[in-house]
N, C-alpha and C. Protein backbone atom coordinates (compact mmCIF):
# COMPACT_ATOMS: atom_id res chain seq x y z
N UNK A 1 0.85 -1.17 0.00
CA UNK A 1 0.00 0.00 0.00
C UNK A 1 0.89 1.23 0.00
N UNK A 2 0.67 2.12 -0.91
CA UNK A 2 1.52 3.30 -0.99
C UNK A 2 0.99 4.39 -0.06
N UNK A 3 1.91 5.16 0.42
CA UNK A 3 1.59 6.25 1.33
C UNK A 3 1.27 7.50 0.53
N UNK A 4 0.22 8.26 0.91
CA UNK A 4 -0.10 9.48 0.13
C UNK A 4 1.03 10.50 0.22
N UNK A 5 1.18 11.23 -0.84
CA UNK A 5 2.22 12.26 -0.88
C UNK A 5 1.92 13.35 0.13
N UNK A 6 2.96 13.85 0.75
CA UNK A 6 2.79 14.94 1.70
C UNK A 6 2.38 16.20 0.95
N UNK A 7 1.43 16.88 1.52
CA UNK A 7 0.93 18.11 0.93
C UNK A 7 1.16 19.22 1.94
N UNK A 8 1.70 20.31 1.48
CA UNK A 8 2.00 21.41 2.39
C UNK A 8 0.71 22.08 2.85
N UNK A 9 0.75 22.72 4.02
CA UNK A 9 -0.44 23.45 4.49
C UNK A 9 -0.91 24.52 3.49
N UNK A 10 0.04 25.17 2.83
CA UNK A 10 -0.33 26.20 1.85
C UNK A 10 -1.10 25.57 0.69
N UNK A 11 -0.66 24.39 0.26
CA UNK A 11 -1.35 23.72 -0.84
C UNK A 11 -2.74 23.25 -0.43
N UNK A 12 -2.86 22.76 0.80
CA UNK A 12 -4.18 22.35 1.30
C UNK A 12 -5.12 23.55 1.37
N UNK A 13 -4.60 24.69 1.81
CA UNK A 13 -5.41 25.90 1.89
C UNK A 13 -5.86 26.33 0.50
N UNK A 14 -4.93 26.28 -0.46
CA UNK A 14 -5.26 26.63 -1.84
C UNK A 14 -6.36 25.72 -2.38
N UNK A 15 -6.24 24.43 -2.13
CA UNK A 15 -7.25 23.49 -2.59
C UNK A 15 -8.59 23.73 -1.91
N UNK A 16 -8.57 24.11 -0.64
CA UNK A 16 -9.82 24.40 0.07
C UNK A 16 -10.53 25.60 -0.54
N UNK A 17 -9.77 26.62 -0.91
CA UNK A 17 -10.38 27.79 -1.55
C UNK A 17 -10.98 27.40 -2.90
N UNK A 18 -10.28 26.55 -3.63
CA UNK A 18 -10.81 26.09 -4.92
C UNK A 18 -12.08 25.27 -4.73
N UNK A 19 -12.09 24.39 -3.72
CA UNK A 19 -13.29 23.60 -3.44
C UNK A 19 -14.47 24.49 -3.06
N UNK A 20 -14.20 25.55 -2.32
CA UNK A 20 -15.27 26.47 -1.93
C UNK A 20 -15.87 27.12 -3.17
N UNK A 21 -15.02 27.59 -4.09
CA UNK A 21 -15.53 28.19 -5.33
C UNK A 21 -16.32 27.20 -6.17
N UNK A 22 -15.83 25.98 -6.26
CA UNK A 22 -16.54 24.94 -7.03
C UNK A 22 -17.87 24.61 -6.36
N UNK A 23 -17.88 24.58 -5.04
CA UNK A 23 -19.13 24.32 -4.32
C UNK A 23 -20.17 25.40 -4.57
N UNK A 24 -19.74 26.65 -4.56
CA UNK A 24 -20.66 27.75 -4.85
C UNK A 24 -21.18 27.66 -6.29
N UNK A 25 -20.31 27.29 -7.22
CA UNK A 25 -20.75 27.11 -8.61
C UNK A 25 -21.77 25.97 -8.71
N UNK A 26 -21.54 24.92 -7.95
CA UNK A 26 -22.47 23.78 -7.95
C UNK A 26 -23.84 24.19 -7.43
N UNK A 27 -23.86 24.95 -6.34
CA UNK A 27 -25.14 25.43 -5.80
C UNK A 27 -25.84 26.30 -6.82
N UNK A 28 -25.10 27.17 -7.47
CA UNK A 28 -25.69 28.02 -8.51
C UNK A 28 -26.27 27.20 -9.66
N UNK A 29 -25.54 26.18 -10.07
CA UNK A 29 -26.02 25.32 -11.14
C UNK A 29 -27.28 24.56 -10.75
N UNK A 30 -27.32 24.03 -9.54
CA UNK A 30 -28.51 23.31 -9.07
C UNK A 30 -29.72 24.24 -8.95
N UNK A 31 -29.47 25.44 -8.42
CA UNK A 31 -30.57 26.41 -8.33
C UNK A 31 -31.05 26.82 -9.72
N UNK A 32 -30.12 26.98 -10.64
CA UNK A 32 -30.49 27.34 -12.02
C UNK A 32 -31.34 26.25 -12.66
N UNK A 33 -30.98 25.01 -12.43
CA UNK A 33 -31.77 23.90 -12.99
C UNK A 33 -33.18 23.89 -12.40
N UNK A 34 -33.27 24.10 -11.08
CA UNK A 34 -34.59 24.14 -10.44
C UNK A 34 -35.39 25.34 -10.95
N UNK A 35 -34.72 26.48 -11.17
CA UNK A 35 -35.40 27.68 -11.66
C UNK A 35 -35.97 27.44 -13.07
N UNK A 36 -35.19 26.79 -13.91
CA UNK A 36 -35.67 26.51 -15.27
C UNK A 36 -36.82 25.52 -15.26
N UNK A 37 -36.76 24.55 -14.34
CA UNK A 37 -37.81 23.55 -14.27
C UNK A 37 -39.12 24.14 -13.72
N UNK A 38 -38.98 25.04 -12.73
CA UNK A 38 -40.18 25.59 -12.09
C UNK A 38 -40.65 26.91 -12.71
N UNK A 39 -39.79 27.54 -13.52
CA UNK A 39 -40.15 28.81 -14.14
C UNK A 39 -40.10 29.99 -13.18
N UNK A 40 -39.38 29.85 -12.07
CA UNK A 40 -39.30 30.91 -11.06
C UNK A 40 -38.17 31.87 -11.41
N UNK A 41 -38.52 33.09 -11.74
CA UNK A 41 -37.53 34.10 -12.10
C UNK A 41 -36.67 34.49 -10.91
N UNK A 42 -37.27 34.59 -9.74
CA UNK A 42 -36.52 34.97 -8.54
C UNK A 42 -35.44 33.94 -8.23
N UNK A 43 -35.75 32.68 -8.42
CA UNK A 43 -34.77 31.62 -8.18
C UNK A 43 -33.64 31.69 -9.20
N UNK A 44 -33.98 32.08 -10.41
CA UNK A 44 -32.95 32.23 -11.44
C UNK A 44 -31.98 33.36 -11.08
N UNK A 45 -32.49 34.42 -10.49
CA UNK A 45 -31.64 35.53 -10.05
C UNK A 45 -30.71 35.06 -8.93
N UNK A 46 -31.24 34.30 -7.98
CA UNK A 46 -30.42 33.77 -6.89
C UNK A 46 -29.34 32.85 -7.46
N UNK A 47 -29.70 32.04 -8.45
CA UNK A 47 -28.72 31.15 -9.07
C UNK A 47 -27.61 31.95 -9.76
N UNK A 48 -27.99 33.01 -10.45
CA UNK A 48 -26.99 33.85 -11.13
C UNK A 48 -26.05 34.51 -10.13
N UNK A 49 -26.59 34.96 -9.01
CA UNK A 49 -25.76 35.57 -7.97
C UNK A 49 -24.81 34.54 -7.38
N UNK A 50 -25.31 33.33 -7.11
CA UNK A 50 -24.45 32.27 -6.58
C UNK A 50 -23.34 31.92 -7.56
N UNK A 51 -23.67 31.87 -8.84
CA UNK A 51 -22.64 31.59 -9.85
C UNK A 51 -21.61 32.72 -9.92
N UNK A 52 -22.06 33.95 -9.84
CA UNK A 52 -21.13 35.09 -9.87
C UNK A 52 -20.21 35.07 -8.66
N UNK A 53 -20.75 34.77 -7.50
CA UNK A 53 -19.92 34.72 -6.29
C UNK A 53 -18.93 33.55 -6.39
N UNK A 54 -19.39 32.41 -6.88
CA UNK A 54 -18.50 31.26 -7.06
C UNK A 54 -17.37 31.56 -8.02
N UNK A 55 -17.70 32.22 -9.13
CA UNK A 55 -16.65 32.60 -10.10
C UNK A 55 -15.67 33.60 -9.49
N UNK A 56 -16.18 34.50 -8.67
CA UNK A 56 -15.30 35.48 -8.02
C UNK A 56 -14.35 34.78 -7.06
N UNK A 57 -14.87 33.86 -6.28
CA UNK A 57 -14.00 33.12 -5.34
C UNK A 57 -12.98 32.31 -6.12
N UNK A 58 -13.44 31.59 -7.13
CA UNK A 58 -12.54 30.71 -7.87
C UNK A 58 -11.56 31.47 -8.75
N UNK A 59 -12.02 32.54 -9.37
CA UNK A 59 -11.17 33.24 -10.33
C UNK A 59 -10.37 34.40 -9.79
N UNK A 60 -10.81 34.98 -8.65
CA UNK A 60 -10.12 36.16 -8.12
C UNK A 60 -9.54 35.90 -6.74
N UNK A 61 -10.40 35.52 -5.80
CA UNK A 61 -9.93 35.40 -4.42
C UNK A 61 -8.98 34.22 -4.19
N UNK A 62 -9.26 33.07 -4.81
CA UNK A 62 -8.37 31.92 -4.62
C UNK A 62 -6.96 32.19 -5.16
N UNK A 63 -6.81 32.76 -6.37
CA UNK A 63 -5.46 33.08 -6.82
C UNK A 63 -4.75 34.13 -5.95
N UNK A 64 -5.51 35.12 -5.46
CA UNK A 64 -4.90 36.11 -4.56
C UNK A 64 -4.42 35.45 -3.28
N UNK A 65 -5.23 34.55 -2.76
CA UNK A 65 -4.84 33.84 -1.54
C UNK A 65 -3.62 32.96 -1.80
N UNK A 66 -3.56 32.32 -2.96
CA UNK A 66 -2.41 31.48 -3.30
C UNK A 66 -1.13 32.32 -3.33
N UNK A 67 -1.21 33.51 -3.94
CA UNK A 67 -0.03 34.39 -3.98
C UNK A 67 0.40 34.83 -2.59
N UNK A 68 -0.57 35.15 -1.75
CA UNK A 68 -0.20 35.58 -0.40
C UNK A 68 0.41 34.43 0.41
N UNK A 69 -0.04 33.21 0.17
CA UNK A 69 0.55 32.06 0.87
C UNK A 69 1.97 31.80 0.38
N UNK A 70 2.22 32.05 -0.88
CA UNK A 70 3.59 31.87 -1.39
C UNK A 70 4.55 32.90 -0.80
N UNK A 71 4.01 34.06 -0.38
CA UNK A 71 4.84 35.07 0.28
C UNK A 71 4.91 34.84 1.78
N UNK A 72 4.37 33.71 2.25
CA UNK A 72 4.30 33.37 3.68
C UNK A 72 3.46 34.35 4.46
N UNK A 73 2.49 34.94 3.82
CA UNK A 73 1.54 35.82 4.49
C UNK A 73 0.32 34.98 4.83
N UNK A 74 0.36 34.34 5.98
CA UNK A 74 -0.67 33.37 6.34
C UNK A 74 -1.98 34.05 6.72
N UNK A 75 -1.91 35.14 7.43
CA UNK A 75 -3.13 35.81 7.90
C UNK A 75 -3.76 36.60 6.76
N UNK A 76 -5.03 36.36 6.54
CA UNK A 76 -5.79 37.11 5.54
C UNK A 76 -7.22 37.24 6.05
N UNK A 77 -7.42 37.97 7.14
CA UNK A 77 -8.74 37.99 7.77
C UNK A 77 -9.84 38.58 6.88
N UNK A 78 -9.51 39.57 6.06
CA UNK A 78 -10.54 40.17 5.21
C UNK A 78 -11.00 39.21 4.12
N UNK A 79 -10.06 38.51 3.52
CA UNK A 79 -10.42 37.55 2.47
C UNK A 79 -11.23 36.39 3.04
N UNK A 80 -10.81 35.91 4.19
CA UNK A 80 -11.53 34.80 4.83
C UNK A 80 -12.94 35.26 5.23
N UNK A 81 -13.04 36.45 5.78
CA UNK A 81 -14.36 36.97 6.16
C UNK A 81 -15.24 37.17 4.93
N UNK A 82 -14.68 37.63 3.83
CA UNK A 82 -15.46 37.84 2.61
C UNK A 82 -16.00 36.52 2.07
N UNK A 83 -15.17 35.50 2.03
CA UNK A 83 -15.61 34.21 1.50
C UNK A 83 -16.61 33.56 2.46
N UNK A 84 -16.37 33.67 3.76
CA UNK A 84 -17.32 33.11 4.73
C UNK A 84 -18.68 33.79 4.59
N UNK A 85 -18.68 35.10 4.47
CA UNK A 85 -19.93 35.83 4.29
C UNK A 85 -20.62 35.41 3.00
N UNK A 86 -19.86 35.26 1.93
CA UNK A 86 -20.43 34.86 0.65
C UNK A 86 -21.07 33.47 0.74
N UNK A 87 -20.39 32.53 1.38
CA UNK A 87 -20.92 31.18 1.50
C UNK A 87 -22.21 31.18 2.34
N UNK A 88 -22.21 31.92 3.43
CA UNK A 88 -23.40 31.98 4.28
C UNK A 88 -24.56 32.63 3.54
N UNK A 89 -24.30 33.72 2.83
CA UNK A 89 -25.36 34.40 2.08
C UNK A 89 -25.93 33.51 0.98
N UNK A 90 -25.08 32.80 0.27
CA UNK A 90 -25.57 31.90 -0.78
C UNK A 90 -26.37 30.77 -0.17
N UNK A 91 -25.91 30.23 0.95
CA UNK A 91 -26.65 29.14 1.60
C UNK A 91 -28.02 29.60 2.08
N UNK A 92 -28.09 30.77 2.70
CA UNK A 92 -29.38 31.29 3.18
C UNK A 92 -30.30 31.60 2.00
N UNK A 93 -29.77 32.25 0.98
CA UNK A 93 -30.58 32.58 -0.19
C UNK A 93 -31.06 31.32 -0.91
N UNK A 94 -30.19 30.33 -1.02
CA UNK A 94 -30.58 29.08 -1.67
C UNK A 94 -31.66 28.37 -0.87
N UNK A 95 -31.49 28.31 0.43
CA UNK A 95 -32.51 27.68 1.27
C UNK A 95 -33.85 28.38 1.18
N UNK A 96 -33.82 29.70 1.25
CA UNK A 96 -35.06 30.47 1.16
C UNK A 96 -35.71 30.31 -0.22
N UNK A 97 -34.90 30.33 -1.26
CA UNK A 97 -35.44 30.22 -2.61
C UNK A 97 -36.05 28.84 -2.85
N UNK A 98 -35.38 27.80 -2.38
CA UNK A 98 -35.89 26.45 -2.58
C UNK A 98 -37.19 26.24 -1.80
N UNK A 99 -37.25 26.79 -0.59
CA UNK A 99 -38.47 26.64 0.21
C UNK A 99 -39.63 27.49 -0.35
N UNK A 100 -39.30 28.60 -0.97
CA UNK A 100 -40.34 29.49 -1.47
C UNK A 100 -40.93 29.04 -2.81
N UNK A 101 -40.17 28.30 -3.59
CA UNK A 101 -40.62 27.89 -4.92
C UNK A 101 -41.25 26.50 -4.82
N UNK A 102 -42.50 26.37 -5.16
CA UNK A 102 -43.14 25.06 -5.10
C UNK A 102 -42.62 24.14 -6.21
N UNK A 103 -42.52 22.87 -5.90
CA UNK A 103 -42.07 21.89 -6.89
C UNK A 103 -43.22 21.58 -7.85
N UNK A 104 -42.87 21.37 -9.10
CA UNK A 104 -43.90 21.02 -10.11
C UNK A 104 -43.90 19.55 -10.38
């Protein structure tokens, strides 16, 4: 049995940021599919916002965080707070939108 390769903490952090962006994109995609199926315009707007936030995390914030980790700048409280707020807002909006839109 082979032993998994050691991964640095910076690389794990980078991968976590990427997973967060992909997760937000997934939520946006699922909400978009439900919006198209149910014809709910409000849900489609929530899906578009979730996709935009996911793209921002994946395309902007994750690379910025990767660069700061390469400079050994471990603390990034504003970036972490921004992503945490984005994830919570998307989760609350997705939950509210799914509960508000009746299934067909």
